[in-house]
Amino acid sequence: MGQLSDADRELISLIAWEALTPTQAASALGLTPAATRVRLHRARTRLKNALSTTPHSEEADRDQ
C-alpha cells in the first residue's frame, strides 16, 4: 500500500476496510460513481502490480 498514491490508498481503504460500496465511496470523496469505479479498477491494478513486484526474486535467493 505504501507504493500507492494517497488517493489510491484512500479509495481502497474505503472499499476494503470500511466496507463501503463504490457508490458510497464516491459520495464520500465527492466523485461520480462512474469515476469512482474507474479509479478503483486502476488502483486495484496498481496494487496488484506493486504486490507482485519484489525487490529480488525467490529464484535468485535459491541460486545463492
PDB file of N, CA and C in Angstrom:
ATOM      1  N   MET A   1       0.826  -1.192   0.000  1.00  0.00           N
ATOM      2  CA  MET A   1       0.000   0.000   0.000  1.00  0.00           C
ATOM      3  C   MET A   1       0.874   1.261   0.000  1.00  0.00           C
ATOM      4  N   GLY A   2       2.064   1.145   0.572  1.00  0.00           N
ATOM      5  CA  GLY A   2       2.931   2.306   0.665  1.00  0.00           C
ATOM      6  C   GLY A   2       3.391   2.843  -0.673  1.00  0.00           C
ATOM      7  N   GLN A   3       3.327   2.021  -1.708  1.00  0.00           N
ATOM      8  CA  GLN A   3       3.754   2.453  -3.034  1.00  0.00           C
ATOM      9  C   GLN A   3       2.641   3.163  -3.800  1.00  0.00           C
ATOM     10  N   LEU A   4       1.422   3.125  -3.271  1.00  0.00           N
ATOM     11  CA  LEU A   4       0.291   3.751  -3.945  1.00  0.00           C
ATOM     12  C   LEU A   4       0.194   5.227  -3.581  1.00  0.00           C
ATOM     13  N   SER A   5      -0.488   5.972  -4.432  1.00  0.00           N
ATOM     14  CA  SER A   5      -0.727   7.386  -4.144  1.00  0.00           C
ATOM     15  C   SER A   5      -1.708   7.503  -2.984  1.00  0.00           C
ATOM     16  N   ASP A   6      -1.759   8.674  -2.389  1.00  0.00           N
ATOM     17  CA  ASP A   6      -2.702   8.916  -1.295  1.00  0.00           C
ATOM     18  C   ASP A   6      -4.139   8.664  -1.751  1.00  0.00           C
ATOM     19  N   ALA A   7      -4.463   9.104  -2.955  1.00  0.00           N
ATOM     20  CA  ALA A   7      -5.824   8.929  -3.485  1.00  0.00           C
ATOM     21  C   ALA A   7      -6.158   7.449  -3.647  1.00  0.00           C
ATOM     22  N   ASP A   8      -5.208   6.668  -4.170  1.00  0.00           N
ATOM     23  CA  ASP A   8      -5.437   5.225  -4.340  1.00  0.00           C
ATOM     24  C   ASP A   8      -5.619   4.550  -2.980  1.00  0.00           C
ATOM     25  N   ARG A   9      -4.755   4.883  -2.033  1.00  0.00           N
ATOM     26  CA  ARG A   9      -4.854   4.285  -0.692  1.00  0.00           C
ATOM     27  C   ARG A   9      -6.185   4.620  -0.032  1.00  0.00           C
ATOM     28  N   GLU A  10      -6.614   5.860  -0.164  1.00  0.00           N
ATOM     29  CA  GLU A  10      -7.874   6.267   0.453  1.00  0.00           C
ATOM     30  C   GLU A  10      -9.054   5.510  -0.153  1.00  0.00           C
ATOM     31  N   LEU A  11      -9.081   5.409  -1.457  1.00  0.00           N
ATOM     32  CA  LEU A  11     -10.184   4.711  -2.123  1.00  0.00           C
ATOM     33  C   LEU A  11     -10.198   3.232  -1.763  1.00  0.00           C
ATOM     34  N   ILE A  12      -9.066   2.582  -1.824  1.00  0.00           N
ATOM     35  CA  ILE A  12      -9.007   1.158  -1.487  1.00  0.00           C
ATOM     36  C   ILE A  12      -9.371   0.946  -0.021  1.00  0.00           C
ATOM     37  N   SER A  13      -8.931   1.850   0.839  1.00  0.00           N
ATOM     38  CA  SER A  13      -9.276   1.733   2.259  1.00  0.00           C
ATOM     39  C   SER A  13     -10.783   1.859   2.480  1.00  0.00           C
ATOM     40  N   LEU A  14     -11.409   2.793   1.812  1.00  0.00           N
ATOM     41  CA  LEU A  14     -12.857   2.957   1.959  1.00  0.00           C
ATOM     42  C   LEU A  14     -13.610   1.708   1.519  1.00  0.00           C
ATOM     43  N   ILE A  15     -13.161   1.109   0.440  1.00  0.00           N
ATOM     44  CA  ILE A  15     -13.840  -0.070  -0.099  1.00  0.00           C
ATOM     45  C   ILE A  15     -13.509  -1.316   0.724  1.00  0.00           C
ATOM     46  N   ALA A  16     -12.224  -1.553   0.957  1.00  0.00           N
ATOM     47  CA  ALA A  16     -11.794  -2.803   1.588  1.00  0.00           C
ATOM     48  C   ALA A  16     -11.972  -2.811   3.095  1.00  0.00           C
ATOM     49  N   TRP A  17     -11.576  -1.737   3.769  1.00  0.00           N
ATOM     50  CA  TRP A  17     -11.582  -1.746   5.233  1.00  0.00           C
ATOM     51  C   TRP A  17     -12.836  -1.144   5.844  1.00  0.00           C
ATOM     52  N   GLU A  18     -13.381  -0.137   5.176  1.00  0.00           N
ATOM     53  CA  GLU A  18     -14.598   0.491   5.694  1.00  0.00           C
ATOM     54  C   GLU A  18     -15.855  -0.154   5.131  1.00  0.00           C
ATOM     55  N   ALA A  19     -15.678  -1.068   4.188  1.00  0.00           N
ATOM     56  CA  ALA A  19     -16.770  -1.835   3.569  1.00  0.00           C
ATOM     57  C   ALA A  19     -17.820  -0.947   2.908  1.00  0.00           C
ATOM     58  N   LEU A  20     -17.361   0.165   2.314  1.00  0.00           N
ATOM     59  CA  LEU A  20     -18.285   1.000   1.565  1.00  0.00           C
ATOM     60  C   LEU A  20     -18.450   0.442   0.164  1.00  0.00           C
ATOM     61  N   THR A  21     -19.597   0.690  -0.421  1.00  0.00           N
ATOM     62  CA  THR A  21     -19.799   0.347  -1.826  1.00  0.00           C
ATOM     63  C   THR A  21     -19.105   1.423  -2.657  1.00  0.00           C
ATOM     64  N   PRO A  22     -18.846   1.154  -3.923  1.00  0.00           N
ATOM     65  CA  PRO A  22     -18.266   2.211  -4.767  1.00  0.00           C
ATOM     66  C   PRO A  22     -19.132   3.473  -4.802  1.00  0.00           C
ATOM     67  N   THR A  23     -20.439   3.316  -4.767  1.00  0.00           N
ATOM     68  CA  THR A  23     -21.325   4.481  -4.767  1.00  0.00           C
ATOM     69  C   THR A  23     -21.179   5.273  -3.471  1.00  0.00           C
ATOM     70  N   GLN A  24     -21.080   4.575  -2.342  1.00  0.00           N
ATOM     71  CA  GLN A  24     -20.887   5.255  -1.060  1.00  0.00           C
ATOM     72  C   GLN A  24     -19.519   5.939  -1.012  1.00  0.00           C
ATOM     73  N   ALA A  25     -18.500   5.269  -1.520  1.00  0.00           N
ATOM     74  CA  ALA A  25     -17.162   5.858  -1.557  1.00  0.00           C
ATOM     75  C   ALA A  25     -17.155   7.093  -2.457  1.00  0.00           C
ATOM     76  N   ALA A  26     -17.876   7.024  -3.563  1.00  0.00           N
ATOM     77  CA  ALA A  26     -17.968   8.165  -4.467  1.00  0.00           C
ATOM     78  C   ALA A  26     -18.549   9.374  -3.747  1.00  0.00           C
ATOM     79  N   SER A  27     -19.589   9.145  -2.995  1.00  0.00           N
ATOM     80  CA  SER A  27     -20.218  10.227  -2.239  1.00  0.00           C
ATOM     81  C   SER A  27     -19.248  10.797  -1.205  1.00  0.00           C
ATOM     82  N   ALA A  28     -18.527   9.937  -0.515  1.00  0.00           N
ATOM     83  CA  ALA A  28     -17.569  10.383   0.495  1.00  0.00           C
ATOM     84  C   ALA A  28     -16.426  11.187  -0.120  1.00  0.00           C
ATOM     85  N   LEU A  29     -16.055  10.848  -1.338  1.00  0.00           N
ATOM     86  CA  LEU A  29     -14.921  11.503  -1.993  1.00  0.00           C
ATOM     87  C   LEU A  29     -15.337  12.659  -2.903  1.00  0.00           C
ATOM     88  N   GLY A  30     -16.646  12.835  -3.081  1.00  0.00           N
ATOM     89  CA  GLY A  30     -17.118  13.906  -3.957  1.00  0.00           C
ATOM     90  C   GLY A  30     -16.932  13.601  -5.430  1.00  0.00           C
ATOM     91  N   LEU A  31     -17.009  12.314  -5.776  1.00  0.00           N
ATOM     92  CA  LEU A  31     -16.840  11.873  -7.159  1.00  0.00           C
ATOM     93  C   LEU A  31     -18.140  11.266  -7.664  1.00  0.00           C
ATOM     94  N   THR A  32     -18.220  11.087  -8.964  1.00  0.00           N
ATOM     95  CA  THR A  32     -19.357  10.363  -9.512  1.00  0.00           C
ATOM     96  C   THR A  32     -19.104   8.870  -9.307  1.00  0.00           C
ATOM     97  N   PRO A  33     -20.168   8.081  -9.229  1.00  0.00           N
ATOM     98  CA  PRO A  33     -19.967   6.629  -9.107  1.00  0.00           C
ATOM     99  C   PRO A  33     -19.158   6.038 -10.265  1.00  0.00           C
ATOM    100  N   ALA A  34     -19.377   6.529 -11.471  1.00  0.00           N
ATOM    101  CA  ALA A  34     -18.629   6.014 -12.628  1.00  0.00           C
ATOM    102  C   ALA A  34     -17.138   6.314 -12.495  1.00  0.00           C
ATOM    103  N   ALA A  35     -16.812   7.528 -12.105  1.00  0.00           N
ATOM    104  CA  ALA A  35     -15.398   7.893 -11.935  1.00  0.00           C
ATOM    105  C   ALA A  35     -14.762   7.059 -10.826  1.00  0.00           C
ATOM    106  N   THR A  36     -15.527   6.807  -9.779  1.00  0.00           N
ATOM    107  CA  THR A  36     -15.008   6.013  -8.662  1.00  0.00           C
ATOM    108  C   THR A  36     -14.730   4.585  -9.092  1.00  0.00           C
ATOM    109  N   ARG A  37     -15.611   4.003  -9.881  1.00  0.00           N
ATOM    110  CA  ARG A  37     -15.376   2.633 -10.350  1.00  0.00           C
ATOM    111  C   ARG A  37     -14.136   2.548 -11.229  1.00  0.00           C
ATOM    112  N   VAL A  38     -13.934   3.543 -12.091  1.00  0.00           N
ATOM    113  CA  VAL A  38     -12.743   3.564 -12.940  1.00  0.00           C
ATOM    114  C   VAL A  38     -11.488   3.714 -12.078  1.00  0.00           C
ATOM    115  N   ARG A  39     -11.519   4.654 -11.134  1.00  0.00           N
ATOM    116  CA  ARG A  39     -10.362   4.861 -10.252  1.00  0.00           C
ATOM    117  C   ARG A  39     -10.082   3.630  -9.403  1.00  0.00           C
ATOM    118  N   LEU A  40     -11.139   2.966  -8.941  1.00  0.00           N
ATOM    119  CA  LEU A  40     -10.965   1.758  -8.138  1.00  0.00           C
ATOM    120  C   LEU A  40     -10.311   0.655  -8.961  1.00  0.00           C
ATOM    121  N   HIS A  41     -10.762   0.477 -10.183  1.00  0.00           N
ATOM    122  CA  HIS A  41     -10.164  -0.539 -11.053  1.00  0.00           C
ATOM    123  C   HIS A  41      -8.674  -0.253 -11.251  1.00  0.00           C
ATOM    124  N   ARG A  42      -8.355   0.989 -11.537  1.00  0.00           N
ATOM    125  CA  ARG A  42      -6.949   1.362 -11.760  1.00  0.00           C
ATOM    126  C   ARG A  42      -6.126   1.212 -10.485  1.00  0.00           C
ATOM    127  N   ALA A  43      -6.704   1.593  -9.343  1.00  0.00           N
ATOM    128  CA  ALA A  43      -5.988   1.475  -8.069  1.00  0.00           C
ATOM    129  C   ALA A  43      -5.731   0.010  -7.726  1.00  0.00           C
ATOM    130  N   ARG A  44      -6.719  -0.842  -7.961  1.00  0.00           N
ATOM    131  CA  ARG A  44      -6.532  -2.275  -7.701  1.00  0.00           C
ATOM    132  C   ARG A  44      -5.458  -2.854  -8.606  1.00  0.00           C
ATOM    133  N   THR A  45      -5.422  -2.404  -9.858  1.00  0.00           N
ATOM    134  CA  THR A  45      -4.392  -2.878 -10.787  1.00  0.00           C
ATOM    135  C   THR A  45      -3.009  -2.450 -10.309  1.00  0.00           C
ATOM    136  N   ARG A  46      -2.884  -1.195  -9.873  1.00  0.00           N
ATOM    137  CA  ARG A  46      -1.589  -0.727  -9.366  1.00  0.00           C
ATOM    138  C   ARG A  46      -1.187  -1.482  -8.100  1.00  0.00           C
ATOM    139  N   LEU A  47      -2.162  -1.757  -7.228  1.00  0.00           N
ATOM    140  CA  LEU A  47      -1.868  -2.516  -6.009  1.00  0.00           C
ATOM    141  C   LEU A  47      -1.417  -3.930  -6.355  1.00  0.00           C
ATOM    142  N   LYS A  48      -2.113  -4.565  -7.276  1.00  0.00           N
ATOM    143  CA  LYS A  48      -1.736  -5.919  -7.697  1.00  0.00           C
ATOM    144  C   LYS A  48      -0.318  -5.926  -8.260  1.00  0.00           C
ATOM    145  N   ASN A  49       0.002  -4.952  -9.090  1.00  0.00           N
ATOM    146  CA  ASN A  49       1.347  -4.868  -9.669  1.00  0.00           C
ATOM    147  C   ASN A  49       2.398  -4.607  -8.592  1.00  0.00           C
ATOM    148  N   ALA A  50       2.076  -3.761  -7.636  1.00  0.00           N
ATOM    149  CA  ALA A  50       3.022  -3.477  -6.549  1.00  0.00           C
ATOM    150  C   ALA A  50       3.264  -4.716  -5.704  1.00  0.00           C
ATOM    151  N   LEU A  51       2.216  -5.491  -5.472  1.00  0.00           N
ATOM    152  CA  LEU A  51       2.367  -6.703  -4.669  1.00  0.00           C
ATOM    153  C   LEU A  51       3.125  -7.802  -5.405  1.00  0.00           C
ATOM    154  N   SER A  52       3.018  -7.820  -6.718  1.00  0.00           N
ATOM    155  CA  SER A  52       3.701  -8.873  -7.478  1.00  0.00           C
ATOM    156  C   SER A  52       5.156  -8.527  -7.767  1.00  0.00           C
ATOM    157  N   THR A  53       5.531  -7.283  -7.564  1.00  0.00           N
ATOM    158  CA  THR A  53       6.903  -6.852  -7.794  1.00  0.00           C
ATOM    159  C   THR A  53       7.661  -6.916  -6.475  1.00  0.00           C
ATOM    160  N   THR A  54       8.725  -7.689  -6.480  1.00  0.00           N
ATOM    161  CA  THR A  54       9.537  -7.803  -5.272  1.00  0.00           C
ATOM    162  C   THR A  54      10.929  -7.260  -5.565  1.00  0.00           C
ATOM    163  N   PRO A  55      11.645  -6.794  -4.561  1.00  0.00           N
ATOM    164  CA  PRO A  55      12.990  -6.264  -4.772  1.00  0.00           C
ATOM    165  C   PRO A  55      13.943  -7.292  -5.385  1.00  0.00           C
ATOM    166  N   HIS A  56      13.753  -8.539  -5.020  1.00  0.00           N
ATOM    167  CA  HIS A  56      14.547  -9.605  -5.607  1.00  0.00           C
ATOM    168  C   HIS A  56      13.687 -10.867  -5.656  1.00  0.00           C
ATOM    169  N   SER A  57      13.982 -11.698  -6.612  1.00  0.00           N
ATOM    170  CA  SER A  57      13.145 -12.876  -6.787  1.00  0.00           C
ATOM    171  C   SER A  57      13.570 -14.012  -5.878  1.00  0.00           C
ATOM    172  N   GLU A  58      12.654 -14.925  -5.631  1.00  0.00           N
ATOM    173  CA  GLU A  58      12.960 -16.100  -4.830  1.00  0.00           C
ATOM    174  C   GLU A  58      13.977 -16.991  -5.538  1.00  0.00           C
ATOM    175  N   GLU A  59      13.938 -16.980  -6.881  1.00  0.00           N
ATOM    176  CA  GLU A  59      14.887 -17.797  -7.636  1.00  0.00           C
ATOM    177  C   GLU A  59      16.320 -17.330  -7.372  1.00  0.00           C
ATOM    178  N   ALA A  60      16.526 -16.026  -7.275  1.00  0.00           N
ATOM    179  CA  ALA A  60      17.865 -15.506  -7.009  1.00  0.00           C
ATOM    180  C   ALA A  60      18.331 -15.944  -5.636  1.00  0.00           C
ATOM    181  N   ASP A  61      17.403 -16.010  -4.663  1.00  0.00           N
ATOM    182  CA  ASP A  61      17.762 -16.480  -3.329  1.00  0.00           C
ATOM    183  C   ASP A  61      18.192 -17.942  -3.348  1.00  0.00           C
ATOM    184  N   ARG A  62      17.505 -18.765  -4.152  1.00  0.00           N
ATOM    185  CA  ARG A  62      17.832 -20.183  -4.226  1.00  0.00           C
ATOM    186  C   ARG A  62      19.173 -20.430  -4.911  1.00  0.00           C
ATOM    187  N   ASP A  63      19.538 -19.551  -5.843  1.00  0.00           N
ATOM    188  CA  ASP A  63      20.783 -19.723  -6.585  1.00  0.00           C
ATOM    189  C   ASP A  63      21.998 -19.404  -5.736  1.00  0.00           C
ATOM    190  N   GLN A  64      21.832 -18.695  -4.669  1.00  0.00           N
ATOM    191  CA  GLN A  64      22.992 -18.288  -3.863  1.00  0.00           C
ATOM    192  C   GLN A  64      23.405 -19.332  -2.903  1.00  0.00           C
TER     193      GLN A  64
END
